[in-house]
Structure formats: C-alpha cells, structure tokens
Amino acid sequence: MADDLVKLKEQVYIDPRPKELFDKYHVRTRQKEPGPAYDVVRLVTSLVGLGFYRTVAYGTERIPAAGPLVIAPNHFSNFDHFFMGLGTRRKIHFMAKSQMFKPPIDQVYANGGTFPVRRGQRDDEAFETVHAILDRGGAMAMYCEGGRSRTGELAERAKPGIGRIAIESGATILPCAIHGSSHVRNLKRGHFPKITILFGEPLRWERQGPGNAGRDASQAVADQVFDRIKTLYSIVGDGGRPAAKAWTPEG
C-alpha cells in the first residue's frame, strides 16, 4: 500500500443473514428502474464530485444511449460509482455488498437502483437480477476487481463475474478507468484528489444465455475486459487529461 494512504477497515466477507432477507431488494430492482432517490443522490454527489474533486469524464460519446449495458470500471473508493455516474445521463444500477443493506438506509439504496450481493457465498439471486436489468435494456455497473483495491493499485487479475455476465447476456461491456480515486479515502487529511474518468471502446460477446458460461471462459473474458481498463488507466496516469481527451480506440 502507498505510504500516504489511509488504511481501510478490515472487511467482513460473509453475511450470515438468510438470503430471503434480501428478496425484496431483488424484486424491486428486477421490476423497476431507479427511482427518485437516484436523481437526488446524483445531484448531491455531482456537486461534490465537480466542486471538490474537479471530476472530468472523457469518451462519454462512446456510452450507448440505449440497450443493455454494463459499465466496467476499476475500483478504489466508495465514491467511484458517483464519479462514474457523472459521465452518463443513463440511470445506472449498482451491485453492493449485502452488509450495506440495513434499515433505514436500505430504502435509499433500493430506490436508487442498488441491489445486494452476498459476498463470500454463491449468490445466484444477484445474477438473476443482473439478467433482469439487461433483458429490459437497462444499464448497470460492475467492478471487475470485485471489492475495492486496498493497496491503491490495480489488482493483478479480474474476478470472473464480469466475464460470466458478458457471455451469458450478450450485453455491451464498456471498460472504464477511474483515475485518482485511490486517495479519496484520505478525506480526513484534507486530500481532494483530481478525478479523471476515461470510457473505452464498447465490447460485445455473443449471447449464450444464463447458466451457459463456464468458469474458464468467464475468466478469459474478464481478463480481456480488465486489460482494456488497465490500458485506459495507464493513458490517464502517464499522459494526464490531455492524453485522455485525445485518446480514441483507433489511435
């Protein structure tokens, strides 16, 4: 871990609560787009992102305006979904660890388009919800690395989940680099890093249908997506905003 980074709290990877407790959140997300809570939270966090973190997004013209979409960013901070959301007018569903779903804040999450995944356990309910979102032409975000990076550096390898979704759904996968957010955790030290978002080239794989993506194939696709994210991240890291602004998939 970088010496100047605040250490993250130890995570609890297994939620002992029964899966039935989370059914209502999945039902809501499968049936409805994000509600008013999404707009309110987006407005507030946009003001924070623009005012304090000087967030700028490049490549937004590559975001499909309609149709099933999975935005796939790297993950350093709990603010990453808010930063990423600045770059698109589409309402984005998010997958969050089930430990976050406790009254009364759970109602804000649910109305805002967020649904739980029970980490440390096989959670087929979460994947069913993903397919319900994509089957109706909705959009969601999924972090290739799973949880937040604790070191301030990109992970060595992606988790296979994003590959499974790409193969099973045939949805557009949009790699995305979020640069600068590793230091958002240093808020109490007065650090407000400049955040740069770079959306990459949309990718698609032929739809195989739910349950038809093997683990090896899923991992291979996930690695391809994450390699694109690493490239985008390096473009911003090496060349800053001028390089991000100038980058195109062709060049």
Protein backbone atom coordinates (compact mmCIF):
# COMPACT_ATOMS: atom_id res chain seq x y z
CA MET A 1 0.00 0.00 0.00
CA ALA A 2 1.19 3.51 -0.76
CA ASP A 3 2.63 5.11 2.37
CA ASP A 4 0.34 8.13 2.22
CA LEU A 5 -2.93 6.16 2.05
CA VAL A 6 -5.25 5.76 5.00
CA LYS A 7 -5.61 2.07 5.78
CA LEU A 8 -9.06 0.63 5.02
CA LYS A 9 -11.00 -1.13 7.74
CA GLU A 10 -10.94 -4.90 7.70
CA GLN A 11 -13.83 -6.25 5.65
CA VAL A 12 -16.45 -8.81 6.67
CA TYR A 13 -16.72 -11.12 3.69
CA ILE A 14 -19.61 -13.33 4.81
CA ASP A 15 -23.08 -12.05 5.68
CA PRO A 16 -24.74 -14.65 7.98
CA ARG A 17 -28.26 -13.31 7.35
CA PRO A 18 -30.55 -15.57 5.28
CA LYS A 19 -30.92 -14.87 1.59
CA GLU A 20 -34.68 -14.43 1.98
CA LEU A 21 -34.00 -11.17 3.79
CA PHE A 22 -32.76 -9.67 0.52
CA ASP A 23 -35.50 -10.92 -1.78
CA LYS A 24 -37.44 -7.65 -1.64
CA TYR A 25 -34.48 -5.68 -2.95
CA HIS A 26 -34.04 -8.03 -5.89
CA VAL A 27 -37.76 -7.94 -6.71
CA ARG A 28 -37.75 -4.15 -6.75
CA THR A 29 -34.68 -3.92 -8.98
CA ARG A 30 -35.90 -6.58 -11.40
CA GLN A 31 -39.19 -4.80 -11.92
CA LYS A 32 -38.28 -1.11 -11.84
CA GLU A 33 -35.71 1.40 -12.96
CA PRO A 34 -34.02 3.55 -10.27
CA GLY A 35 -36.47 5.91 -8.59
CA PRO A 36 -36.32 9.49 -7.28
CA ALA A 37 -33.58 8.65 -4.78
CA TYR A 38 -31.22 8.16 -7.73
CA ASP A 39 -31.81 11.68 -9.01
CA VAL A 40 -31.41 13.27 -5.58
CA VAL A 41 -28.22 11.38 -4.76
CA ARG A 42 -26.82 12.05 -8.23
CA LEU A 43 -27.43 15.79 -7.87
CA VAL A 44 -25.74 16.00 -4.48
CA THR A 45 -22.78 13.79 -5.37
CA SER A 46 -22.33 15.57 -8.70
CA LEU A 47 -21.91 18.86 -6.84
CA VAL A 48 -19.32 17.19 -4.59
CA GLY A 49 -17.56 15.49 -7.50
CA LEU A 50 -17.36 18.61 -9.60
CA GLY A 51 -16.70 21.07 -6.80
CA PHE A 52 -14.23 19.25 -4.58
CA TYR A 53 -12.73 16.60 -6.86
CA ARG A 54 -12.80 18.52 -10.16
CA THR A 55 -14.12 15.40 -11.87
CA VAL A 56 -13.94 15.30 -15.67
CA ALA A 57 -15.12 12.43 -17.88
CA TYR A 58 -13.76 11.73 -21.36
CA GLY A 59 -15.10 9.36 -24.01
CA THR A 60 -18.72 9.83 -22.95
CA GLU A 61 -19.71 9.74 -26.62
CA ARG A 62 -18.84 6.04 -26.55
CA ILE A 63 -21.56 5.28 -24.00
CA PRO A 64 -24.50 3.62 -25.81
CA ALA A 65 -27.61 5.77 -25.42
CA ALA A 66 -29.89 2.73 -25.16
CA GLY A 67 -29.80 -1.05 -24.88
CA PRO A 68 -28.34 -3.46 -22.33
CA LEU A 69 -25.11 -2.03 -20.95
CA VAL A 70 -22.55 -2.98 -18.29
CA ILE A 71 -20.02 -0.29 -17.43
CA ALA A 72 -16.88 -1.94 -16.06
CA PRO A 73 -14.60 0.37 -14.05
CA ASN A 74 -11.68 -0.21 -11.69
CA HIS A 75 -12.47 0.26 -8.01
CA PHE A 76 -10.60 2.23 -5.34
CA SER A 77 -13.25 4.20 -3.46
CA ASN A 78 -16.85 4.07 -2.27
CA PHE A 79 -17.29 7.22 -4.33
CA ASP A 80 -16.36 5.51 -7.60
CA HIS A 81 -19.97 4.87 -8.62
CA PHE A 82 -20.79 8.54 -8.07
CA PHE A 83 -17.78 9.69 -10.08
CA MET A 84 -18.64 7.29 -12.89
CA GLY A 85 -22.29 8.35 -12.84
CA LEU A 86 -21.26 11.92 -13.65
CA GLY A 87 -20.35 10.80 -17.14
CA THR A 88 -23.71 9.46 -18.31
CA ARG A 89 -27.32 10.56 -18.24
CA ARG A 90 -28.45 6.94 -18.18
CA LYS A 91 -29.61 5.64 -14.82
CA ILE A 92 -27.15 3.02 -13.66
CA HIS A 93 -27.92 0.09 -11.37
CA PHE A 94 -25.21 -0.92 -8.91
CA MET A 95 -24.39 -4.14 -7.12
CA ALA A 96 -23.33 -3.64 -3.48
CA LYS A 97 -22.25 -5.96 -0.68
CA SER A 98 -25.23 -7.15 1.33
CA GLN A 99 -23.79 -5.85 4.62
CA MET A 100 -24.74 -2.34 3.47
CA PHE A 101 -28.45 -3.20 3.38
CA LYS A 102 -29.65 -2.27 6.85
CA PRO A 103 -32.56 -0.01 7.86
CA PRO A 104 -33.16 2.80 7.21
CA ILE A 105 -30.51 3.42 4.53
CA ASP A 106 -31.51 0.23 2.69
CA GLN A 107 -34.57 2.02 1.30
CA VAL A 108 -32.39 4.69 -0.28
CA TYR A 109 -30.20 2.02 -1.86
CA ALA A 110 -33.17 0.09 -3.22
CA ASN A 111 -34.98 3.13 -4.62
CA GLY A 112 -31.71 4.36 -6.06
CA GLY A 113 -31.22 1.22 -8.14
CA THR A 114 -28.74 -0.63 -5.93
CA PHE A 115 -29.15 -4.34 -5.18
CA PRO A 116 -27.25 -6.67 -2.83
CA VAL A 117 -24.79 -9.44 -3.46
CA ARG A 118 -23.91 -11.81 -0.64
CA ARG A 119 -20.14 -11.83 -0.79
CA GLY A 120 -18.32 -14.99 0.19
CA GLN A 121 -21.25 -17.10 -0.97
CA ARG A 122 -22.61 -18.25 -4.29
CA ASP A 123 -25.34 -15.72 -4.96
CA ASP A 124 -27.37 -16.73 -7.99
CA GLU A 125 -30.07 -14.21 -7.00
CA ALA A 126 -27.69 -11.36 -7.82
CA PHE A 127 -27.02 -12.77 -11.28
CA GLU A 128 -30.75 -13.23 -11.89
CA THR A 129 -31.21 -9.56 -11.06
CA VAL A 130 -28.41 -8.61 -13.45
CA HIS A 131 -30.12 -10.50 -16.26
CA ALA A 132 -33.48 -8.90 -15.46
CA ILE A 133 -31.91 -5.44 -15.74
CA LEU A 134 -30.16 -6.22 -19.01
CA ASP A 135 -33.10 -8.09 -20.55
CA ARG A 136 -35.20 -4.94 -20.32
CA GLY A 137 -32.42 -2.87 -21.92
CA GLY A 138 -31.19 -1.35 -18.66
CA ALA A 139 -27.72 -0.28 -17.60
CA MET A 140 -25.58 -1.27 -14.65
CA ALA A 141 -22.03 -1.05 -13.38
CA MET A 142 -19.86 -3.92 -12.23
CA TYR A 143 -16.35 -3.67 -10.83
CA CYS A 144 -14.01 -6.15 -12.46
CA GLU A 145 -11.90 -6.42 -9.32
CA GLY A 146 -14.86 -7.22 -7.09
CA GLY A 147 -14.19 -5.16 -3.95
CA ARG A 148 -12.11 -2.04 -3.54
CA SER A 149 -8.37 -2.24 -4.01
CA ARG A 150 -6.77 -1.98 -0.59
CA THR A 151 -3.31 -1.12 -1.92
CA GLY A 152 -4.10 1.90 -4.08
CA GLU A 153 -3.01 -0.07 -7.13
CA LEU A 154 -4.99 -2.01 -9.73
CA ALA A 155 -5.50 -5.69 -8.95
CA GLU A 156 -3.39 -8.27 -10.73
CA ARG A 157 -6.41 -10.00 -12.21
CA ALA A 158 -10.15 -9.57 -12.64
CA LYS A 159 -12.82 -11.65 -10.95
CA PRO A 160 -14.71 -13.89 -13.42
CA GLY A 161 -18.13 -12.33 -12.75
CA ILE A 162 -17.92 -9.65 -15.44
CA GLY A 163 -16.93 -12.32 -17.96
CA ARG A 164 -19.86 -14.50 -16.98
CA ILE A 165 -22.28 -11.62 -17.50
CA ALA A 166 -20.73 -10.67 -20.84
CA ILE A 167 -21.05 -14.22 -22.19
CA GLU A 168 -24.46 -15.04 -20.78
CA SER A 169 -26.18 -11.73 -21.62
CA GLY A 170 -24.52 -10.56 -24.82
CA ALA A 171 -24.81 -7.01 -23.40
CA THR A 172 -22.44 -4.23 -24.34
CA ILE A 173 -19.49 -4.10 -21.93
CA LEU A 174 -17.88 -0.68 -21.60
CA PRO A 175 -14.42 -0.61 -19.95
CA CYS A 176 -13.87 2.49 -17.83
CA ALA A 177 -10.87 3.87 -15.95
CA ILE A 178 -11.34 5.95 -12.81
CA HIS A 179 -8.05 7.69 -12.05
CA GLY A 180 -7.30 9.49 -8.78
CA SER A 181 -9.91 7.96 -6.51
CA SER A 182 -7.41 5.87 -4.55
CA HIS A 183 -6.78 8.94 -2.41
CA VAL A 184 -10.41 9.78 -1.72
CA ARG A 185 -10.05 7.73 1.47
CA ASN A 186 -7.71 10.48 2.72
CA LEU A 187 -10.59 12.91 3.16
CA LYS A 188 -9.86 13.44 6.86
CA ARG A 189 -6.36 14.54 5.91
CA GLY A 190 -7.80 17.21 3.66
CA HIS A 191 -6.96 15.40 0.42
CA PHE A 192 -9.23 16.12 -2.52
CA PRO A 193 -7.59 14.38 -5.50
CA LYS A 194 -8.44 15.33 -9.06
CA ILE A 195 -10.63 12.60 -10.58
CA THR A 196 -10.43 11.71 -14.26
CA ILE A 197 -12.78 9.24 -15.96
CA LEU A 198 -11.99 7.66 -19.33
CA PHE A 199 -14.55 5.48 -21.09
CA GLY A 200 -13.12 2.99 -23.55
CA GLU A 201 -14.32 1.09 -26.58
CA PRO A 202 -17.58 -0.88 -26.22
CA LEU A 203 -17.15 -4.67 -26.37
CA ARG A 204 -19.62 -7.46 -27.02
CA TRP A 205 -19.67 -11.23 -26.95
CA GLU A 206 -22.32 -13.47 -28.49
CA ARG A 207 -25.13 -14.21 -26.06
CA GLN A 208 -25.02 -17.76 -24.67
CA GLY A 209 -27.88 -17.44 -22.17
CA PRO A 210 -27.94 -17.72 -18.36
CA GLY A 211 -26.02 -20.67 -16.98
CA ASN A 212 -24.02 -21.26 -20.15
CA ALA A 213 -20.74 -19.55 -19.28
CA GLY A 214 -18.04 -21.85 -17.96
CA ARG A 215 -15.61 -20.55 -15.36
CA ASP A 216 -12.56 -20.70 -17.65
CA ALA A 217 -14.35 -18.85 -20.44
CA SER A 218 -15.71 -16.31 -17.96
CA GLN A 219 -12.24 -15.69 -16.56
CA ALA A 220 -10.76 -15.30 -20.04
CA VAL A 221 -13.34 -12.67 -21.00
CA ALA A 222 -12.95 -10.90 -17.65
CA ASP A 223 -9.20 -10.73 -18.24
CA GLN A 224 -9.78 -9.17 -21.66
CA VAL A 225 -12.04 -6.51 -20.17
CA PHE A 226 -9.62 -5.78 -17.34
CA ASP A 227 -6.70 -5.49 -19.76
CA ARG A 228 -8.66 -2.71 -21.50
CA ILE A 229 -9.22 -1.00 -18.15
CA LYS A 230 -5.51 -1.21 -17.34
CA THR A 231 -4.68 0.38 -20.69
CA LEU A 232 -7.14 3.23 -20.13
CA TYR A 233 -5.81 3.75 -16.61
CA SER A 234 -2.25 3.94 -17.90
CA ILE A 235 -3.23 6.50 -20.53
CA VAL A 236 -4.52 8.83 -17.83
CA GLY A 237 -1.68 8.02 -15.44
CA ASP A 238 1.07 8.60 -17.99
CA GLY A 239 -0.37 11.46 -20.02
CA GLY A 240 -2.92 13.09 -17.76
CA ARG A 241 -6.06 14.75 -19.01
CA PRO A 242 -4.64 15.86 -22.38
CA ALA A 243 -3.91 12.22 -23.24
CA ALA A 244 -7.35 11.10 -22.02
CA LYS A 245 -9.05 13.79 -24.08
CA ALA A 246 -7.11 12.89 -27.22
CA TRP A 247 -7.42 9.10 -26.94
CA THR A 248 -9.60 7.18 -29.38
CA PRO A 249 -9.98 3.39 -29.83
CA GLU A 250 -8.37 3.73 -33.25
CA GLY A 251 -5.35 5.63 -32.03
